[in-house]
Amino acid sequence: MTISQVARAKGNEADMVYVLGLDAIAQREASPEARNELFVALTRSRGFAYLSGIGNYPFYDEAGQVLRSGSSFNFVYRKPKREIDN
């Protein structure tokens, strides 16, 4: 068993991947960087990926929809609106 942060797991694969602290991603769900970290973590698994988090976030519903969709899913990137100050 190896325990590592997502950035260190990039390029490596395992039969099972455990993503602990999904709530930390859910709190930053609008962040492309946070979503990318989750994507990298999930794609390191050859077989099973287990997600664990606490709380109740809209992001959990989105993740559930992806899981229920079957063997394929689409990622939709919504560019955040930013105000430009002069």
PDB file of N, CA and C in Angstrom:
ATOM      1  N   MET A   1       0.839  -1.167   0.000  1.00  0.00           N
ATOM      2  CA  MET A   1       0.000   0.000   0.000  1.00  0.00           C
ATOM      3  C   MET A   1       0.891   1.239   0.000  1.00  0.00           C
ATOM      4  N   THR A   2       0.497   2.222  -0.790  1.00  0.00           N
ATOM      5  CA  THR A   2       1.198   3.494  -0.847  1.00  0.00           C
ATOM      6  C   THR A   2       0.199   4.605  -0.563  1.00  0.00           C
ATOM      7  N   ILE A   3       0.584   5.539   0.274  1.00  0.00           N
ATOM      8  CA  ILE A   3      -0.237   6.714   0.556  1.00  0.00           C
ATOM      9  C   ILE A   3       0.510   7.918   0.017  1.00  0.00           C
ATOM     10  N   SER A   4      -0.173   8.695  -0.815  1.00  0.00           N
ATOM     11  CA  SER A   4       0.488   9.877  -1.376  1.00  0.00           C
ATOM     12  C   SER A   4      -0.537  10.935  -1.728  1.00  0.00           C
ATOM     13  N   GLN A   5      -0.041  12.122  -1.934  1.00  0.00           N
ATOM     14  CA  GLN A   5      -0.881  13.200  -2.427  1.00  0.00           C
ATOM     15  C   GLN A   5      -1.085  12.993  -3.923  1.00  0.00           C
ATOM     16  N   VAL A   6      -2.111  13.608  -4.468  1.00  0.00           N
ATOM     17  CA  VAL A   6      -2.459  13.409  -5.872  1.00  0.00           C
ATOM     18  C   VAL A   6      -1.299  13.769  -6.792  1.00  0.00           C
ATOM     19  N   ALA A   7      -0.638  14.876  -6.535  1.00  0.00           N
ATOM     20  CA  ALA A   7       0.440  15.309  -7.419  1.00  0.00           C
ATOM     21  C   ALA A   7       1.553  14.265  -7.511  1.00  0.00           C
ATOM     22  N   ARG A   8       1.807  13.576  -6.432  1.00  0.00           N
ATOM     23  CA  ARG A   8       2.855  12.544  -6.440  1.00  0.00           C
ATOM     24  C   ARG A   8       2.390  11.259  -7.112  1.00  0.00           C
ATOM     25  N   ALA A   9       1.078  11.062  -7.214  1.00  0.00           N
ATOM     26  CA  ALA A   9       0.539   9.852  -7.830  1.00  0.00           C
ATOM     27  C   ALA A   9       0.454   9.973  -9.347  1.00  0.00           C
ATOM     28  N   LYS A  10       0.605  11.155  -9.872  1.00  0.00           N
ATOM     29  CA  LYS A  10       0.484  11.375 -11.312  1.00  0.00           C
ATOM     30  C   LYS A  10       1.511  10.510 -12.042  1.00  0.00           C
ATOM     31  N   GLY A  11       1.041   9.745 -13.003  1.00  0.00           N
ATOM     32  CA  GLY A  11       1.919   8.866 -13.757  1.00  0.00           C
ATOM     33  C   GLY A  11       1.972   7.460 -13.197  1.00  0.00           C
ATOM     34  N   ASN A  12       1.428   7.235 -12.011  1.00  0.00           N
ATOM     35  CA  ASN A  12       1.388   5.908 -11.395  1.00  0.00           C
ATOM     36  C   ASN A  12      -0.034   5.384 -11.414  1.00  0.00           C
ATOM     37  N   GLU A  13      -0.174   4.058 -11.383  1.00  0.00           N
ATOM     38  CA  GLU A  13      -1.485   3.448 -11.345  1.00  0.00           C
ATOM     39  C   GLU A  13      -1.556   2.446 -10.204  1.00  0.00           C
ATOM     40  N   ALA A  14      -2.782   2.158  -9.758  1.00  0.00           N
ATOM     41  CA  ALA A  14      -3.004   1.173  -8.710  1.00  0.00           C
ATOM     42  C   ALA A  14      -4.325   0.467  -8.987  1.00  0.00           C
ATOM     43  N   ASP A  15      -4.485  -0.735  -8.441  1.00  0.00           N
ATOM     44  CA  ASP A  15      -5.737  -1.457  -8.623  1.00  0.00           C
ATOM     45  C   ASP A  15      -6.892  -0.744  -7.928  1.00  0.00           C
ATOM     46  N   MET A  16      -6.615  -0.179  -6.751  1.00  0.00           N
ATOM     47  CA  MET A  16      -7.629   0.556  -5.996  1.00  0.00           C
ATOM     48  C   MET A  16      -7.068   1.913  -5.585  1.00  0.00           C
ATOM     49  N   VAL A  17      -7.917   2.920  -5.685  1.00  0.00           N
ATOM     50  CA  VAL A  17      -7.551   4.269  -5.262  1.00  0.00           C
ATOM     51  C   VAL A  17      -8.603   4.752  -4.271  1.00  0.00           C
ATOM     52  N   TYR A  18      -8.146   5.283  -3.160  1.00  0.00           N
ATOM     53  CA  TYR A  18      -9.031   5.864  -2.153  1.00  0.00           C
ATOM     54  C   TYR A  18      -8.831   7.369  -2.161  1.00  0.00           C
ATOM     55  N   VAL A  19      -9.907   8.097  -2.395  1.00  0.00           N
ATOM     56  CA  VAL A  19      -9.862   9.557  -2.356  1.00  0.00           C
ATOM     57  C   VAL A  19     -10.500   9.981  -1.037  1.00  0.00           C
ATOM     58  N   LEU A  20      -9.670  10.405  -0.108  1.00  0.00           N
ATOM     59  CA  LEU A  20     -10.145  10.835   1.203  1.00  0.00           C
ATOM     60  C   LEU A  20     -10.235  12.353   1.233  1.00  0.00           C
ATOM     61  N   GLY A  21     -11.263  12.866   1.867  1.00  0.00           N
ATOM     62  CA  GLY A  21     -11.409  14.315   1.968  1.00  0.00           C
ATOM     63  C   GLY A  21     -12.041  14.934   0.745  1.00  0.00           C
ATOM     64  N   LEU A  22     -12.999  14.235   0.140  1.00  0.00           N
ATOM     65  CA  LEU A  22     -13.688  14.789  -1.024  1.00  0.00           C
ATOM     66  C   LEU A  22     -14.364  16.116  -0.686  1.00  0.00           C
ATOM     67  N   ASP A  23     -14.664  16.320   0.585  1.00  0.00           N
ATOM     68  CA  ASP A  23     -15.286  17.576   1.002  1.00  0.00           C
ATOM     69  C   ASP A  23     -14.363  18.768   0.732  1.00  0.00           C
ATOM     70  N   ALA A  24     -13.051  18.557   0.772  1.00  0.00           N
ATOM     71  CA  ALA A  24     -12.115  19.646   0.467  1.00  0.00           C
ATOM     72  C   ALA A  24     -12.217  20.052  -0.997  1.00  0.00           C
ATOM     73  N   ILE A  25     -12.465  19.092  -1.874  1.00  0.00           N
ATOM     74  CA  ILE A  25     -12.689  19.395  -3.296  1.00  0.00           C
ATOM     75  C   ILE A  25     -14.053  20.061  -3.454  1.00  0.00           C
ATOM     76  N   ALA A  26     -15.070  19.537  -2.755  1.00  0.00           N
ATOM     77  CA  ALA A  26     -16.429  20.065  -2.871  1.00  0.00           C
ATOM     78  C   ALA A  26     -16.505  21.523  -2.434  1.00  0.00           C
ATOM     79  N   GLN A  27     -15.704  21.900  -1.447  1.00  0.00           N
ATOM     80  CA  GLN A  27     -15.699  23.290  -0.981  1.00  0.00           C
ATOM     81  C   GLN A  27     -15.104  24.225  -2.025  1.00  0.00           C
ATOM     82  N   ARG A  28     -14.304  23.683  -2.926  1.00  0.00           N
ATOM     83  CA  ARG A  28     -13.671  24.489  -3.981  1.00  0.00           C
ATOM     84  C   ARG A  28     -14.131  24.026  -5.353  1.00  0.00           C
ATOM     85  N   GLU A  29     -15.394  23.611  -5.469  1.00  0.00           N
ATOM     86  CA  GLU A  29     -15.864  22.978  -6.697  1.00  0.00           C
ATOM     87  C   GLU A  29     -15.747  23.846  -7.947  1.00  0.00           C
ATOM     88  N   ALA A  30     -15.705  25.143  -7.807  1.00  0.00           N
ATOM     89  CA  ALA A  30     -15.562  26.022  -8.970  1.00  0.00           C
ATOM     90  C   ALA A  30     -14.113  26.138  -9.435  1.00  0.00           C
ATOM     91  N   SER A  31     -13.209  25.594  -8.673  1.00  0.00           N
ATOM     92  CA  SER A  31     -11.782  25.695  -8.993  1.00  0.00           C
ATOM     93  C   SER A  31     -11.370  24.630 -10.009  1.00  0.00           C
ATOM     94  N   PRO A  32     -10.886  25.036 -11.179  1.00  0.00           N
ATOM     95  CA  PRO A  32     -10.396  24.051 -12.152  1.00  0.00           C
ATOM     96  C   PRO A  32      -9.256  23.207 -11.589  1.00  0.00           C
ATOM     97  N   GLU A  33      -8.425  23.799 -10.737  1.00  0.00           N
ATOM     98  CA  GLU A  33      -7.306  23.058 -10.158  1.00  0.00           C
ATOM     99  C   GLU A  33      -7.797  21.933  -9.251  1.00  0.00           C
ATOM    100  N   ALA A  34      -8.827  22.211  -8.446  1.00  0.00           N
ATOM    101  CA  ALA A  34      -9.379  21.197  -7.540  1.00  0.00           C
ATOM    102  C   ALA A  34     -10.000  20.060  -8.342  1.00  0.00           C
ATOM    103  N   ARG A  35     -10.737  20.401  -9.376  1.00  0.00           N
ATOM    104  CA  ARG A  35     -11.367  19.380 -10.212  1.00  0.00           C
ATOM    105  C   ARG A  35     -10.307  18.550 -10.940  1.00  0.00           C
ATOM    106  N   ASN A  36      -9.247  19.193 -11.368  1.00  0.00           N
ATOM    107  CA  ASN A  36      -8.175  18.474 -12.042  1.00  0.00           C
ATOM    108  C   ASN A  36      -7.505  17.482 -11.091  1.00  0.00           C
ATOM    109  N   GLU A  37      -7.303  17.890  -9.839  1.00  0.00           N
ATOM    110  CA  GLU A  37      -6.725  16.981  -8.855  1.00  0.00           C
ATOM    111  C   GLU A  37      -7.597  15.737  -8.688  1.00  0.00           C
ATOM    112  N   LEU A  38      -8.904  15.926  -8.613  1.00  0.00           N
ATOM    113  CA  LEU A  38      -9.812  14.792  -8.467  1.00  0.00           C
ATOM    114  C   LEU A  38      -9.756  13.905  -9.705  1.00  0.00           C
ATOM    115  N   PHE A  39      -9.742  14.517 -10.874  1.00  0.00           N
ATOM    116  CA  PHE A  39      -9.670  13.755 -12.123  1.00  0.00           C
ATOM    117  C   PHE A  39      -8.401  12.903 -12.154  1.00  0.00           C
ATOM    118  N   VAL A  40      -7.267  13.499 -11.806  1.00  0.00           N
ATOM    119  CA  VAL A  40      -6.000  12.754 -11.783  1.00  0.00           C
ATOM    120  C   VAL A  40      -6.099  11.600 -10.794  1.00  0.00           C
ATOM    121  N   ALA A  41      -6.644  11.859  -9.610  1.00  0.00           N
ATOM    122  CA  ALA A  41      -6.765  10.808  -8.601  1.00  0.00           C
ATOM    123  C   ALA A  41      -7.616   9.650  -9.114  1.00  0.00           C
ATOM    124  N   LEU A  42      -8.754   9.954  -9.714  1.00  0.00           N
ATOM    125  CA  LEU A  42      -9.653   8.904 -10.184  1.00  0.00           C
ATOM    126  C   LEU A  42      -9.075   8.125 -11.350  1.00  0.00           C
ATOM    127  N   THR A  43      -8.316   8.774 -12.189  1.00  0.00           N
ATOM    128  CA  THR A  43      -7.765   8.087 -13.358  1.00  0.00           C
ATOM    129  C   THR A  43      -6.504   7.298 -13.040  1.00  0.00           C
ATOM    130  N   ARG A  44      -6.072   7.303 -11.797  1.00  0.00           N
ATOM    131  CA  ARG A  44      -4.936   6.463 -11.388  1.00  0.00           C
ATOM    132  C   ARG A  44      -5.385   5.037 -11.109  1.00  0.00           C
ATOM    133  N   SER A  45      -6.689   4.803 -11.012  1.00  0.00           N
ATOM    134  CA  SER A  45      -7.215   3.491 -10.652  1.00  0.00           C
ATOM    135  C   SER A  45      -7.392   2.608 -11.877  1.00  0.00           C
ATOM    136  N   ARG A  46      -6.917   1.375 -11.781  1.00  0.00           N
ATOM    137  CA  ARG A  46      -7.144   0.373 -12.831  1.00  0.00           C
ATOM    138  C   ARG A  46      -8.450  -0.370 -12.598  1.00  0.00           C
ATOM    139  N   GLY A  47      -8.947  -0.340 -11.364  1.00  0.00           N
ATOM    140  CA  GLY A  47     -10.130  -1.129 -11.060  1.00  0.00           C
ATOM    141  C   GLY A  47     -11.196  -0.391 -10.289  1.00  0.00           C
ATOM    142  N   PHE A  48     -10.873   0.022  -9.072  1.00  0.00           N
ATOM    143  CA  PHE A  48     -11.864   0.618  -8.192  1.00  0.00           C
ATOM    144  C   PHE A  48     -11.370   1.944  -7.631  1.00  0.00           C
ATOM    145  N   ALA A  49     -12.299   2.871  -7.465  1.00  0.00           N
ATOM    146  CA  ALA A  49     -12.007   4.143  -6.809  1.00  0.00           C
ATOM    147  C   ALA A  49     -13.059   4.356  -5.728  1.00  0.00           C
ATOM    148  N   TYR A  50     -12.610   4.614  -4.524  1.00  0.00           N
ATOM    149  CA  TYR A  50     -13.494   4.869  -3.392  1.00  0.00           C
ATOM    150  C   TYR A  50     -13.389   6.337  -3.014  1.00  0.00           C
ATOM    151  N   LEU A  51     -14.547   6.995  -2.862  1.00  0.00           N
ATOM    152  CA  LEU A  51     -14.589   8.411  -2.502  1.00  0.00           C
ATOM    153  C   LEU A  51     -15.113   8.542  -1.084  1.00  0.00           C
ATOM    154  N   SER A  52     -14.490   9.405  -0.302  1.00  0.00           N
ATOM    155  CA  SER A  52     -14.908   9.609   1.080  1.00  0.00           C
ATOM    156  C   SER A  52     -14.891  11.093   1.402  1.00  0.00           C
ATOM    157  N   GLY A  53     -15.979  11.573   1.961  1.00  0.00           N
ATOM    158  CA  GLY A  53     -16.057  12.974   2.366  1.00  0.00           C
ATOM    159  C   GLY A  53     -17.190  13.170   3.349  1.00  0.00           C
ATOM    160  N   ILE A  54     -17.177  14.288   4.021  1.00  0.00           N
ATOM    161  CA  ILE A  54     -18.229  14.595   4.988  1.00  0.00           C
ATOM    162  C   ILE A  54     -18.998  15.817   4.517  1.00  0.00           C
ATOM    163  N   GLY A  55     -20.112  16.072   5.158  1.00  0.00           N
ATOM    164  CA  GLY A  55     -20.905  17.244   4.829  1.00  0.00           C
ATOM    165  C   GLY A  55     -21.886  16.957   3.705  1.00  0.00           C
ATOM    166  N   ASN A  56     -22.549  18.009   3.261  1.00  0.00           N
ATOM    167  CA  ASN A  56     -23.527  17.917   2.189  1.00  0.00           C
ATOM    168  C   ASN A  56     -23.271  19.065   1.218  1.00  0.00           C
ATOM    169  N   TYR A  57     -22.753  18.747   0.056  1.00  0.00           N
ATOM    170  CA  TYR A  57     -22.390  19.756  -0.942  1.00  0.00           C
ATOM    171  C   TYR A  57     -23.049  19.421  -2.277  1.00  0.00           C
ATOM    172  N   PRO A  58     -23.413  20.441  -3.071  1.00  0.00           N
ATOM    173  CA  PRO A  58     -23.972  20.184  -4.401  1.00  0.00           C
ATOM    174  C   PRO A  58     -23.028  19.338  -5.269  1.00  0.00           C
ATOM    175  N   PHE A  59     -21.747  19.457  -5.028  1.00  0.00           N
ATOM    176  CA  PHE A  59     -20.766  18.700  -5.796  1.00  0.00           C
ATOM    177  C   PHE A  59     -20.981  17.191  -5.649  1.00  0.00           C
ATOM    178  N   TYR A  60     -21.458  16.745  -4.495  1.00  0.00           N
ATOM    179  CA  TYR A  60     -21.722  15.320  -4.284  1.00  0.00           C
ATOM    180  C   TYR A  60     -22.805  14.822  -5.241  1.00  0.00           C
ATOM    181  N   ASP A  61     -23.820  15.656  -5.500  1.00  0.00           N
ATOM    182  CA  ASP A  61     -24.862  15.289  -6.466  1.00  0.00           C
ATOM    183  C   ASP A  61     -24.268  15.143  -7.859  1.00  0.00           C
ATOM    184  N   GLU A  62     -23.397  16.073  -8.215  1.00  0.00           N
ATOM    185  CA  GLU A  62     -22.739  16.015  -9.524  1.00  0.00           C
ATOM    186  C   GLU A  62     -21.900  14.738  -9.645  1.00  0.00           C
ATOM    187  N   ALA A  63     -21.137  14.418  -8.612  1.00  0.00           N
ATOM    188  CA  ALA A  63     -20.315  13.208  -8.625  1.00  0.00           C
ATOM    189  C   ALA A  63     -21.209  11.966  -8.718  1.00  0.00           C
ATOM    190  N   GLY A  64     -22.330  11.970  -8.021  1.00  0.00           N
ATOM    191  CA  GLY A  64     -23.268  10.857  -8.093  1.00  0.00           C
ATOM    192  C   GLY A  64     -23.828  10.660  -9.490  1.00  0.00           C
ATOM    193  N   GLN A  65     -24.131  11.753 -10.180  1.00  0.00           N
ATOM    194  CA  GLN A  65     -24.629  11.666 -11.556  1.00  0.00           C
ATOM    195  C   GLN A  65     -23.582  11.037 -12.462  1.00  0.00           C
ATOM    196  N   VAL A  66     -22.338  11.413 -12.272  1.00  0.00           N
ATOM    197  CA  VAL A  66     -21.254  10.841 -13.073  1.00  0.00           C
ATOM    198  C   VAL A  66     -21.158   9.344 -12.821  1.00  0.00           C
ATOM    199  N   LEU A  67     -21.217   8.942 -11.559  1.00  0.00           N
ATOM    200  CA  LEU A  67     -21.108   7.526 -11.227  1.00  0.00           C
ATOM    201  C   LEU A  67     -22.277   6.717 -11.789  1.00  0.00           C
ATOM    202  N   ARG A  68     -23.467   7.288 -11.762  1.00  0.00           N
ATOM    203  CA  ARG A  68     -24.649   6.585 -12.271  1.00  0.00           C
ATOM    204  C   ARG A  68     -24.695   6.533 -13.796  1.00  0.00           C
ATOM    205  N   SER A  69     -23.917   7.375 -14.465  1.00  0.00           N
ATOM    206  CA  SER A  69     -23.975   7.443 -15.928  1.00  0.00           C
ATOM    207  C   SER A  69     -23.360   6.226 -16.603  1.00  0.00           C
ATOM    208  N   GLY A  70     -22.656   5.397 -15.861  1.00  0.00           N
ATOM    209  CA  GLY A  70     -22.089   4.178 -16.448  1.00  0.00           C
ATOM    210  C   GLY A  70     -20.620   4.323 -16.764  1.00  0.00           C
ATOM    211  N   SER A  71     -20.228   3.759 -17.871  1.00  0.00           N
ATOM    212  CA  SER A  71     -18.804   3.655 -18.185  1.00  0.00           C
ATOM    213  C   SER A  71     -18.228   4.881 -18.878  1.00  0.00           C
ATOM    214  N   SER A  72     -19.045   5.853 -19.212  1.00  0.00           N
ATOM    215  CA  SER A  72     -18.506   7.058 -19.849  1.00  0.00           C
ATOM    216  C   SER A  72     -19.174   8.290 -19.251  1.00  0.00           C
ATOM    217  N   PHE A  73     -18.449   9.394 -19.288  1.00  0.00           N
ATOM    218  CA  PHE A  73     -18.996  10.642 -18.773  1.00  0.00           C
ATOM    219  C   PHE A  73     -18.290  11.805 -19.441  1.00  0.00           C
ATOM    220  N   ASN A  74     -18.911  12.960 -19.371  1.00  0.00           N
ATOM    221  CA  ASN A  74     -18.375  14.181 -19.965  1.00  0.00           C
ATOM    222  C   ASN A  74     -18.064  15.186 -18.875  1.00  0.00           C
ATOM    223  N   PHE A  75     -16.967  15.893 -19.042  1.00  0.00           N
ATOM    224  CA  PHE A  75     -16.640  16.990 -18.151  1.00  0.00           C
ATOM    225  C   PHE A  75     -17.027  18.287 -18.843  1.00  0.00           C
ATOM    226  N   VAL A  76     -17.744  19.135 -18.124  1.00  0.00           N
ATOM    227  CA  VAL A  76     -18.133  20.432 -18.661  1.00  0.00           C
ATOM    228  C   VAL A  76     -17.437  21.499 -17.824  1.00  0.00           C
ATOM    229  N   TYR A  77     -16.619  22.287 -18.484  1.00  0.00           N
ATOM    230  CA  TYR A  77     -15.908  23.354 -17.791  1.00  0.00           C
ATOM    231  C   TYR A  77     -16.700  24.640 -17.957  1.00  0.00           C
ATOM    232  N   ARG A  78     -17.051  25.236 -16.843  1.00  0.00           N
ATOM    233  CA  ARG A  78     -17.746  26.520 -16.861  1.00  0.00           C
ATOM    234  C   ARG A  78     -16.775  27.569 -16.359  1.00  0.00           C
ATOM    235  N   LYS A  79     -16.377  28.445 -17.258  1.00  0.00           N
ATOM    236  CA  LYS A  79     -15.422  29.482 -16.893  1.00  0.00           C
ATOM    237  C   LYS A  79     -16.056  30.404 -15.862  1.00  0.00           C
ATOM    238  N   PRO A  80     -15.386  30.612 -14.735  1.00  0.00           N
ATOM    239  CA  PRO A  80     -15.954  31.501 -13.711  1.00  0.00           C
ATOM    240  C   PRO A  80     -16.016  32.934 -14.207  1.00  0.00           C
ATOM    241  N   LYS A  81     -17.076  33.616 -13.802  1.00  0.00           N
ATOM    242  CA  LYS A  81     -17.216  35.025 -14.146  1.00  0.00           C
ATOM    243  C   LYS A  81     -16.323  35.845 -13.236  1.00  0.00           C
ATOM    244  N   ARG A  82     -15.583  36.734 -13.809  1.00  0.00           N
ATOM    245  CA  ARG A  82     -14.696  37.579 -13.018  1.00  0.00           C
ATOM    246  C   ARG A  82     -14.972  39.042 -13.317  1.00  0.00           C
ATOM    247  N   GLU A  83     -14.970  39.815 -12.280  1.00  0.00           N
ATOM    248  CA  GLU A  83     -15.138  41.248 -12.462  1.00  0.00           C
ATOM    249  C   GLU A  83     -13.761  41.855 -12.666  1.00  0.00           C
ATOM    250  N   ILE A  84     -13.691  42.760 -13.616  1.00  0.00           N
ATOM    251  CA  ILE A  84     -12.429  43.426 -13.897  1.00  0.00           C
ATOM    252  C   ILE A  84     -12.463  44.817 -13.295  1.00  0.00           C
ATOM    253  N   ASP A  85     -11.556  45.066 -12.373  1.00  0.00           N
ATOM    254  CA  ASP A  85     -11.473  46.384 -11.749  1.00  0.00           C
ATOM    255  C   ASP A  85     -10.480  47.234 -12.517  1.00  0.00           C
ATOM    256  N   ASN A  86     -10.814  48.484 -12.678  1.00  0.00           N
ATOM    257  CA  ASN A  86      -9.896  49.420 -13.351  1.00  0.00           C
ATOM    258  C   ASN A  86      -9.091  50.189 -12.350  1.00  0.00           C
TER     259      ASN A  86
END
